[in-house]
Amino acid sequence: MVEYDRWVAVLIVGGGPGGFAVARGYREAGGGGTVLLISADEHPPYARPPLTKDYLRGESEAADLPLADEDWYRENAVELRLGIPVLGIDADRKRAQLADGSTVGYERLALVTGSSPIPLPIPGADLPGLVYVRDRHSGEALRGLAQAADRVAVIGSGFIGCEAAASLARRGVEVVLITDEAMPHSVRLGEDAGARIAEWLRAEGVELILQDGAAALRRTGDSFEVELASGRSLLANGVVSGSGARPNLALAKSAGLNIDNGGVVTDAELRTSDPAIWAAGDIAYAHNPTAGRHLRVEHWGEADAMGEIVGANLAGEHRRWAGAPGFWSTIGDHELKYSAWGDGFDRADLVEGPEGWAVWYSRDGSVVGVLAENWDASYKRGQSLIERGAPLAEALDSHQGRK
C-alpha cells in the first residue's frame, strides 16, 4: 500500500532564512539526497530584515530580497513547493500532509516554521489595514504607508518597531511611536541604551509616547483612532504593530515532539525527540553546551546559523550549536550589534569609545551580553567573553573612558 504521493531524502518545512540555510548547509556538506523545501509563502526564501529598513526606505527593491536566484536551486537540485501549507506531520509514518491533499514521505525532516506576529491584546487588533510586520505582504503594506500616509502610529518599541519608525520618518511620514516602556528597549537593553535609541528616533523626527501603551483601536473614516491607556487619543492614517511574535509550533505538536518553554526541545545538534526530525530558528528550544542550558532565540541571524548546522548534520556531520547568539539591527544610520545569552542581567555598564559605544551586561559579576554601536571590536570580543563567562572587570579594564 502506497502511503504517500512521493518520497524525498530530506524534507524542509519552512521558507525563511533558516529553511534556506538547511538546504544550503546540506549541499555544502556533501549531502546527495533529494531535497524538497515546502513553504506556505508564495515567494522563494528571501531576506526579511530589509522589510523595515532599506526596502521600506526605497533603497532596495523586491528583486534584491531573494536569498538565491533560480539558478542556485537548479544547480543544487533543491526543489521548491511554494504557497502550499503543510497541515500535519505523521512522525510514525514519516509523512507530511499538504493543504493541496498530497502527501510527502521523508527519510529526514527539518522543521523551520518560524514565528507569526502576536495580535495586539486590545480591541480593534484585527481591523483591516493594521500592519503586523512579518513577511513580504507586510513589507509591501509598509511601503504603501510610506507612499500614501501622512501620519503613522507604530505600536511597540522593539527592534522591528524602532526600525520601521525610523525608516518611515525617512520617507517623510509623520511618525509617532507608542510604548509602555520608559525608553525604547529599556527593559531589554537597559536605560543607557534606551536613552540613546530614543535620541536617534527623535533626531529622525519620530514622536515618542512613553509609558503609555495602546488600549484600543477604532476606524474613523479613512483613519485610525488610537486610544491610549492614559485616556488620550490620537489619529493616524496607518498603524504598524511591532508587538512581538510567537513560534509556529502546530506541526511540531502534530508530530508529537517534546515542547518546553514555548519551543521544540532539541539537543546541541538540533535533533528533536524524534531521531528523524531536526528543528531550527524561532521554534527551537535548543541545548547550547557553552551556556550549559537550553535557549530559545528569535533572530534571523541565529535562524541562519542553526539552519546551516542542521543541513550539515542531515548530511551526516555532527556539528553543535555552541556559540553565543548574536544579531544586528539598524535604526536610521545607527547599526547596533548585540550578543547575549538572553536570560537577563543585573548590571549594565556603558563604555564610550573613539567611534561609538558599548554596553556590557553582567549577572553575578560575569559577562552575559554586549551591545555595540559602531564598535565592532567590542562586539567580537564580547562574544568570546560571554562564551567563557568572563568576569565583568575583564571587559571594563580593556576600555578607557568608562562611564
Protein backbone atom coordinates (compact mmCIF):
# COMPACT_ATOMS: atom_id res chain seq x y z
CA MET A 1 0.00 0.00 0.00
CA VAL A 2 1.40 3.41 -1.04
CA GLU A 3 1.28 5.73 1.96
CA TYR A 4 2.41 8.91 0.24
CA ASP A 5 2.41 10.52 -3.20
CA ARG A 6 6.17 10.97 -3.30
CA TRP A 7 9.27 10.41 -1.18
CA VAL A 8 12.36 12.54 -0.53
CA ALA A 9 15.53 12.04 1.45
CA VAL A 10 15.32 15.49 3.05
CA LEU A 11 12.12 17.43 3.59
CA ILE A 12 12.44 21.04 4.76
CA VAL A 13 9.29 22.72 6.03
CA GLY A 14 9.70 26.49 6.21
CA GLY A 15 10.76 29.03 3.61
CA GLY A 16 12.52 31.61 5.76
CA PRO A 17 16.27 32.14 6.07
CA GLY A 18 16.56 29.09 8.32
CA GLY A 19 14.92 26.78 5.80
CA PHE A 20 17.16 28.07 3.03
CA ALA A 21 20.22 27.64 5.25
CA VAL A 22 19.28 23.99 5.85
CA ALA A 23 19.25 23.32 2.10
CA ARG A 24 22.49 25.23 1.55
CA GLY A 25 24.22 23.59 4.51
CA TYR A 26 23.16 20.12 3.38
CA ARG A 27 24.58 20.53 -0.11
CA GLU A 28 27.77 22.26 1.09
CA ALA A 29 28.38 19.36 3.49
CA GLY A 30 28.12 16.89 0.60
CA GLY A 31 24.55 15.75 1.12
CA GLY A 32 23.46 13.98 -2.05
CA GLY A 33 19.85 13.02 -1.38
CA THR A 34 16.70 14.51 -2.88
CA VAL A 35 15.74 17.80 -1.21
CA LEU A 36 12.28 19.35 -1.14
CA LEU A 37 11.59 22.68 0.57
CA ILE A 38 7.92 23.42 1.22
CA SER A 39 6.72 26.86 2.24
CA ALA A 40 3.32 28.43 2.79
CA ASP A 41 4.84 31.66 1.45
CA GLU A 42 4.41 32.03 -2.28
CA HIS A 43 7.87 33.61 -2.62
CA PRO A 44 11.18 31.73 -2.63
CA PRO A 45 13.21 32.30 0.56
CA TYR A 46 14.03 35.99 0.95
CA ALA A 47 15.73 38.36 3.37
CA ARG A 48 13.29 39.78 5.94
CA PRO A 49 15.36 42.40 7.83
CA PRO A 50 15.26 44.82 4.83
CA LEU A 51 11.45 44.97 5.09
CA THR A 52 11.72 47.52 7.91
CA LYS A 53 14.97 49.07 6.72
CA ASP A 54 16.38 49.66 3.23
CA TYR A 55 13.43 48.09 1.41
CA LEU A 56 10.99 50.29 3.33
CA ARG A 57 13.15 53.35 2.67
CA GLY A 58 13.11 52.62 -1.06
CA GLU A 59 16.87 51.98 -1.17
CA SER A 60 16.40 48.40 -2.43
CA GLU A 61 13.71 46.67 -4.45
CA ALA A 62 11.86 43.36 -4.48
CA ALA A 63 14.46 41.87 -6.83
CA ASP A 64 17.09 42.36 -4.12
CA LEU A 65 15.23 40.35 -1.47
CA PRO A 66 15.66 36.68 -2.59
CA LEU A 67 18.43 34.78 -0.82
CA ALA A 68 19.33 32.98 -4.05
CA ASP A 69 18.33 33.12 -7.71
CA GLU A 70 16.58 30.40 -9.66
CA ASP A 71 19.90 29.09 -10.94
CA TRP A 72 21.04 28.24 -7.39
CA TYR A 73 18.06 25.97 -6.78
CA ARG A 74 18.51 24.27 -10.12
CA GLU A 75 22.27 23.83 -9.76
CA ASN A 76 21.89 22.47 -6.22
CA ALA A 77 18.90 20.26 -7.02
CA VAL A 78 16.70 21.86 -4.37
CA GLU A 79 13.03 21.67 -5.29
CA LEU A 80 10.64 24.34 -4.05
CA ARG A 81 6.91 23.96 -3.43
CA LEU A 82 5.57 27.39 -2.58
CA GLY A 83 2.24 28.67 -1.37
CA ILE A 84 1.24 25.25 0.00
CA PRO A 85 0.92 24.95 3.78
CA VAL A 86 1.78 21.68 5.47
CA LEU A 87 -1.18 20.66 7.61
CA GLY A 88 0.37 17.94 9.72
CA ILE A 89 3.26 15.54 10.28
CA ASP A 90 2.72 11.83 10.86
CA ALA A 91 6.03 11.02 12.51
CA ASP A 92 5.31 7.30 12.78
CA ARG A 93 4.87 7.00 9.02
CA LYS A 94 7.38 9.78 8.24
CA ARG A 95 4.77 11.56 6.17
CA ALA A 96 3.71 15.19 5.71
CA GLN A 97 0.15 16.10 4.76
CA LEU A 98 -0.11 19.13 2.47
CA ALA A 99 -3.01 21.53 2.06
CA ASP A 100 -3.45 20.53 -1.59
CA GLY A 101 -4.32 16.98 -0.49
CA SER A 102 -0.99 15.42 -1.40
CA THR A 103 1.42 13.66 0.95
CA VAL A 104 5.22 13.58 1.04
CA GLY A 105 7.24 10.83 2.69
CA TYR A 106 10.68 11.65 4.07
CA GLU A 107 13.76 9.99 5.47
CA ARG A 108 14.78 13.07 7.47
CA LEU A 109 12.78 16.20 8.24
CA ALA A 110 13.85 19.75 9.16
CA LEU A 111 11.18 21.91 10.79
CA VAL A 112 11.99 25.61 10.38
CA THR A 113 8.49 27.06 10.62
CA GLY A 114 9.41 30.41 12.17
CA SER A 115 7.04 32.69 14.04
CA SER A 116 3.84 34.64 13.50
CA PRO A 117 3.05 38.10 14.88
CA ILE A 118 1.24 38.22 18.20
CA PRO A 119 -2.04 40.13 17.79
CA LEU A 120 -2.23 43.24 19.92
CA PRO A 121 -4.15 42.37 23.12
CA ILE A 122 -6.58 45.24 22.64
CA PRO A 123 -9.95 45.87 20.95
CA GLY A 124 -9.50 46.57 17.26
CA ALA A 125 -6.44 44.36 16.89
CA ASP A 126 -7.95 42.73 13.79
CA LEU A 127 -9.02 45.90 11.97
CA PRO A 128 -8.36 45.94 8.21
CA GLY A 129 -5.30 47.96 7.33
CA LEU A 130 -3.43 47.36 10.57
CA VAL A 131 0.06 46.16 9.58
CA TYR A 132 1.69 43.34 11.52
CA VAL A 133 5.29 43.18 10.34
CA ARG A 134 6.49 39.71 9.33
CA ASP A 135 6.55 38.84 5.61
CA ARG A 136 6.60 40.22 2.07
CA HIS A 137 2.92 41.14 2.25
CA SER A 138 3.51 43.28 5.32
CA GLY A 139 6.61 44.72 3.67
CA GLU A 140 4.53 45.85 0.71
CA ALA A 141 1.93 47.28 3.08
CA LEU A 142 4.65 49.27 4.86
CA ARG A 143 5.89 50.68 1.56
CA GLY A 144 2.31 51.61 0.76
CA LEU A 145 2.08 53.58 4.00
CA ALA A 146 5.37 55.31 3.20
CA GLN A 147 3.91 56.48 -0.10
CA ALA A 148 0.35 57.33 0.91
CA ALA A 149 0.11 58.03 4.66
CA ASP A 150 0.63 61.41 6.28
CA ARG A 151 0.81 60.07 9.83
CA VAL A 152 1.56 56.56 11.09
CA ALA A 153 1.38 55.21 14.62
CA VAL A 154 3.90 52.46 15.44
CA ILE A 155 2.92 50.38 18.48
CA GLY A 156 5.83 48.73 20.25
CA SER A 157 9.46 49.75 20.81
CA GLY A 158 11.27 46.52 19.99
CA PHE A 159 13.75 46.31 17.13
CA ILE A 160 11.06 45.96 14.47
CA GLY A 161 9.09 48.92 15.82
CA CYS A 162 12.13 51.18 16.07
CA GLU A 163 13.45 50.20 12.64
CA ALA A 164 10.08 50.78 10.98
CA ALA A 165 9.54 54.09 12.76
CA ALA A 166 12.92 55.47 11.69
CA SER A 167 12.53 54.26 8.10
CA LEU A 168 9.02 55.67 7.70
CA ALA A 169 10.21 59.01 9.08
CA ARG A 170 12.99 58.98 6.47
CA ARG A 171 10.27 58.72 3.83
CA GLY A 172 8.72 61.96 5.07
CA VAL A 173 5.92 60.39 7.08
CA GLU A 174 4.93 61.87 10.43
CA VAL A 175 5.54 59.01 12.86
CA VAL A 176 4.52 58.53 16.47
CA LEU A 177 5.93 55.53 18.35
CA ILE A 178 3.83 54.30 21.26
CA THR A 179 5.30 52.18 24.04
CA ASP A 180 4.65 51.37 27.66
CA GLU A 181 8.41 51.34 28.29
CA ALA A 182 10.19 54.28 29.92
CA MET A 183 12.52 54.35 26.89
CA PRO A 184 12.65 52.23 23.72
CA HIS A 185 14.29 48.89 24.58
CA SER A 186 14.91 49.93 28.17
CA VAL A 187 13.56 46.66 29.57
CA ARG A 188 15.73 44.51 27.34
CA LEU A 189 18.80 46.69 26.86
CA GLY A 190 18.82 48.98 29.90
CA GLU A 191 18.28 52.68 30.47
CA ASP A 192 21.51 53.97 28.86
CA ALA A 193 20.93 52.15 25.58
CA GLY A 194 17.24 53.07 25.64
CA ALA A 195 18.04 56.76 26.06
CA ARG A 196 20.40 56.73 23.08
CA ILE A 197 17.93 54.91 20.86
CA ALA A 198 15.31 57.49 21.89
CA GLU A 199 17.71 60.26 20.82
CA TRP A 200 18.19 58.63 17.41
CA LEU A 201 14.46 58.30 16.85
CA ARG A 202 13.77 61.89 17.86
CA ALA A 203 16.57 63.04 15.54
CA GLU A 204 14.71 61.29 12.69
CA GLY A 205 11.57 63.24 13.63
CA VAL A 206 9.77 60.40 15.40
CA GLU A 207 7.47 61.49 18.23
CA LEU A 208 7.74 59.22 21.26
CA ILE A 209 4.85 58.45 23.57
CA LEU A 210 6.44 56.68 26.51
CA GLN A 211 4.95 54.74 29.43
CA ASP A 212 1.53 54.89 27.81
CA GLY A 213 0.60 51.87 25.69
CA ALA A 214 -2.21 51.49 23.19
CA ALA A 215 -5.53 50.45 24.77
CA ALA A 216 -7.87 50.26 21.74
CA LEU A 217 -8.06 50.88 18.01
CA ARG A 218 -11.04 52.17 16.05
CA ARG A 219 -11.65 53.19 12.44
CA THR A 220 -12.68 56.79 11.89
CA GLY A 221 -13.40 57.21 8.20
CA ASP A 222 -10.11 56.55 6.39
CA SER A 223 -8.08 56.91 9.58
CA PHE A 224 -7.40 55.01 12.77
CA GLU A 225 -8.16 56.37 16.21
CA VAL A 226 -5.63 55.06 18.72
CA GLU A 227 -6.81 55.21 22.31
CA LEU A 228 -4.01 55.17 24.86
CA ALA A 229 -4.01 53.70 28.33
CA SER A 230 -3.94 57.23 29.76
CA GLY A 231 -7.23 58.01 28.03
CA ARG A 232 -5.64 60.23 25.40
CA SER A 233 -6.48 59.52 21.74
CA LEU A 234 -4.69 60.28 18.50
CA LEU A 235 -5.46 59.88 14.80
CA ALA A 236 -3.25 58.26 12.18
CA ASN A 237 -3.62 57.18 8.55
CA GLY A 238 -1.93 53.90 9.34
CA VAL A 239 -0.96 51.73 12.30
CA VAL A 240 2.01 49.36 12.46
CA SER A 241 2.37 46.76 15.18
CA GLY A 242 5.74 45.62 16.45
CA SER A 243 4.16 43.68 19.29
CA GLY A 244 6.35 40.60 19.03
CA ALA A 245 5.89 37.11 17.62
CA ARG A 246 5.22 33.57 18.80
CA PRO A 247 6.76 30.42 17.32
CA ASN A 248 4.67 28.32 14.93
CA LEU A 249 4.52 25.02 16.82
CA ALA A 250 1.43 23.37 15.31
CA LEU A 251 3.39 20.99 13.07
CA ALA A 252 5.83 20.09 15.84
CA LYS A 253 2.89 19.27 18.08
CA SER A 254 1.23 17.19 15.36
CA ALA A 255 4.46 15.19 15.13
CA GLY A 256 4.39 14.54 18.88
CA LEU A 257 7.70 16.32 19.55
CA ASN A 258 8.71 17.40 23.02
CA ILE A 259 7.75 21.04 23.64
CA ASP A 260 9.01 23.16 26.52
CA ASN A 261 9.36 26.88 27.25
CA GLY A 262 7.46 27.71 24.08
CA GLY A 263 9.79 25.81 21.76
CA VAL A 264 10.73 22.43 20.32
CA VAL A 265 13.27 20.76 22.59
CA THR A 266 16.46 19.78 20.76
CA ASP A 267 19.94 18.61 21.66
CA ALA A 268 23.05 20.59 20.74
CA GLU A 269 22.96 19.10 17.22
CA LEU A 270 19.40 20.47 16.92
CA ARG A 271 17.83 17.00 16.75
CA THR A 272 14.42 16.72 18.38
CA SER A 273 12.89 13.95 20.46
CA ASP A 274 12.23 12.16 17.15
CA PRO A 275 15.59 10.98 15.75
CA ALA A 276 14.43 11.68 12.17
CA ILE A 277 13.42 15.30 12.83
CA TRP A 278 15.57 18.39 13.43
CA ALA A 279 14.38 21.92 14.34
CA ALA A 280 15.99 25.32 13.85
CA GLY A 281 15.25 29.00 14.20
CA ASP A 282 12.46 30.59 16.18
CA ILE A 283 10.79 27.30 17.10
CA ALA A 284 13.88 25.63 18.58
CA TYR A 285 14.47 25.38 22.32
CA ALA A 286 17.98 24.14 21.77
CA HIS A 287 20.65 22.98 24.15
CA ASN A 288 23.72 25.19 23.97
CA PRO A 289 26.66 23.38 25.60
CA THR A 290 28.61 26.61 26.14
CA ALA A 291 25.70 28.17 28.01
CA GLY A 292 25.07 24.86 29.76
CA ARG A 293 21.32 25.04 29.21
CA HIS A 294 18.57 25.21 26.61
CA LEU A 295 17.95 28.56 24.89
CA ARG A 296 15.31 29.96 22.58
CA VAL A 297 16.46 32.69 20.18
CA GLU A 298 14.20 34.57 17.77
CA HIS A 299 16.52 36.40 15.38
CA TRP A 300 17.16 35.93 11.68
CA GLY A 301 20.92 35.59 12.14
CA GLU A 302 20.56 32.68 14.52
CA ALA A 303 17.97 31.03 12.25
CA ASP A 304 20.60 31.11 9.50
CA ALA A 305 23.31 29.74 11.81
CA MET A 306 21.08 26.98 13.15
CA GLY A 307 19.89 26.08 9.66
CA GLU A 308 23.47 25.70 8.47
CA ILE A 309 24.15 23.31 11.35
CA VAL A 310 21.01 21.27 10.69
CA GLY A 311 21.86 20.98 7.00
CA ALA A 312 25.36 19.70 7.76
CA ASN A 313 24.01 17.21 10.30
CA LEU A 314 21.41 15.95 7.84
CA ALA A 315 24.38 15.17 5.59
CA GLY A 316 25.97 13.06 8.32
CA GLU A 317 28.09 15.54 10.26
CA HIS A 318 27.83 16.20 14.00
CA ARG A 319 28.03 19.94 14.37
CA ARG A 320 26.76 21.60 17.53
CA TRP A 321 25.11 24.93 18.20
CA ALA A 322 27.53 26.24 20.79
CA GLY A 323 28.20 29.94 20.14
CA ALA A 324 26.70 32.95 21.90
CA PRO A 325 23.67 34.14 19.90
CA GLY A 326 24.03 37.48 18.15
CA PHE A 327 22.33 39.73 15.62
CA TRP A 328 22.40 43.20 14.10
CA SER A 329 19.82 45.97 13.86
CA THR A 330 19.88 49.28 12.01
CA ILE A 331 17.92 52.28 13.30
CA GLY A 332 18.35 55.16 10.87
CA ASP A 333 22.10 55.48 10.31
CA HIS A 334 22.99 53.64 13.50
CA GLU A 335 24.00 49.99 13.43
CA LEU A 336 23.66 48.02 16.64
CA LYS A 337 25.27 44.64 17.20
CA TYR A 338 24.02 42.60 20.13
CA SER A 339 25.09 39.28 21.61
CA ALA A 340 23.72 37.75 24.80
CA TRP A 341 22.50 34.55 26.37
CA GLY A 342 19.14 36.27 26.57
CA ASP A 343 18.05 35.44 30.11
CA GLY A 344 18.62 38.74 31.86
CA PHE A 345 21.26 40.79 33.62
CA ASP A 346 21.64 42.59 36.92
CA ARG A 347 24.08 45.28 35.76
CA ALA A 348 24.63 47.29 32.56
CA ASP A 349 27.80 49.35 32.07
CA LEU A 350 28.06 51.92 29.29
CA VAL A 351 31.54 52.46 27.84
CA GLU A 352 32.38 55.25 25.39
CA GLY A 353 34.76 54.50 22.54
CA PRO A 354 36.57 56.64 19.96
CA GLU A 355 33.91 56.00 17.32
CA GLY A 356 30.97 54.51 19.19
CA TRP A 357 29.90 52.97 22.48
CA ALA A 358 29.17 49.64 24.07
CA VAL A 359 27.07 48.36 26.93
CA TRP A 360 28.37 45.38 28.88
CA TYR A 361 25.74 43.27 30.59
CA SER A 362 26.61 41.11 33.55
CA ARG A 363 24.97 38.89 36.12
CA ASP A 364 26.62 37.95 39.39
CA GLY A 365 29.81 39.58 38.12
CA SER A 366 30.11 37.61 34.86
CA VAL A 367 29.64 38.94 31.33
CA VAL A 368 26.36 37.72 29.82
CA GLY A 369 25.87 40.19 26.96
CA VAL A 370 27.22 43.08 24.91
CA LEU A 371 25.59 45.78 22.79
CA ALA A 372 27.83 47.80 20.50
CA GLU A 373 27.13 50.80 18.30
CA ASN A 374 29.78 51.38 15.63
CA TRP A 375 32.33 49.40 17.65
CA ASP A 376 32.93 46.02 16.03
CA ALA A 377 35.92 45.18 18.18
CA SER A 378 33.82 45.27 21.34
CA TYR A 379 31.11 43.15 19.76
CA LYS A 380 33.54 40.47 18.58
CA ARG A 381 35.45 40.45 21.82
CA GLY A 382 32.19 40.42 23.72
CA GLN A 383 31.07 37.16 22.18
CA SER A 384 34.27 35.48 23.36
CA LEU A 385 33.86 36.90 26.88
CA ILE A 386 30.23 35.80 27.01
CA GLU A 387 31.05 32.27 25.90
CA ARG A 388 33.59 31.74 28.66
CA GLY A 389 31.67 33.64 31.34
CA ALA A 390 34.50 36.11 31.86
CA PRO A 391 34.47 38.48 34.84
CA LEU A 392 32.95 41.88 34.10
CA ALA A 393 36.19 43.53 35.18
CA GLU A 394 37.98 41.89 32.25
CA ALA A 395 35.64 43.63 29.81
CA LEU A 396 35.77 47.00 31.52
CA ASP A 397 39.50 47.10 32.20
CA SER A 398 40.28 47.00 28.48
CA HIS A 399 38.46 50.30 27.88
CA GLN A 400 39.22 53.91 28.52
CA GLY A 401 36.58 56.48 29.28
CA ARG A 402 34.43 54.16 31.30
CA LYS A 403 31.08 55.56 32.33
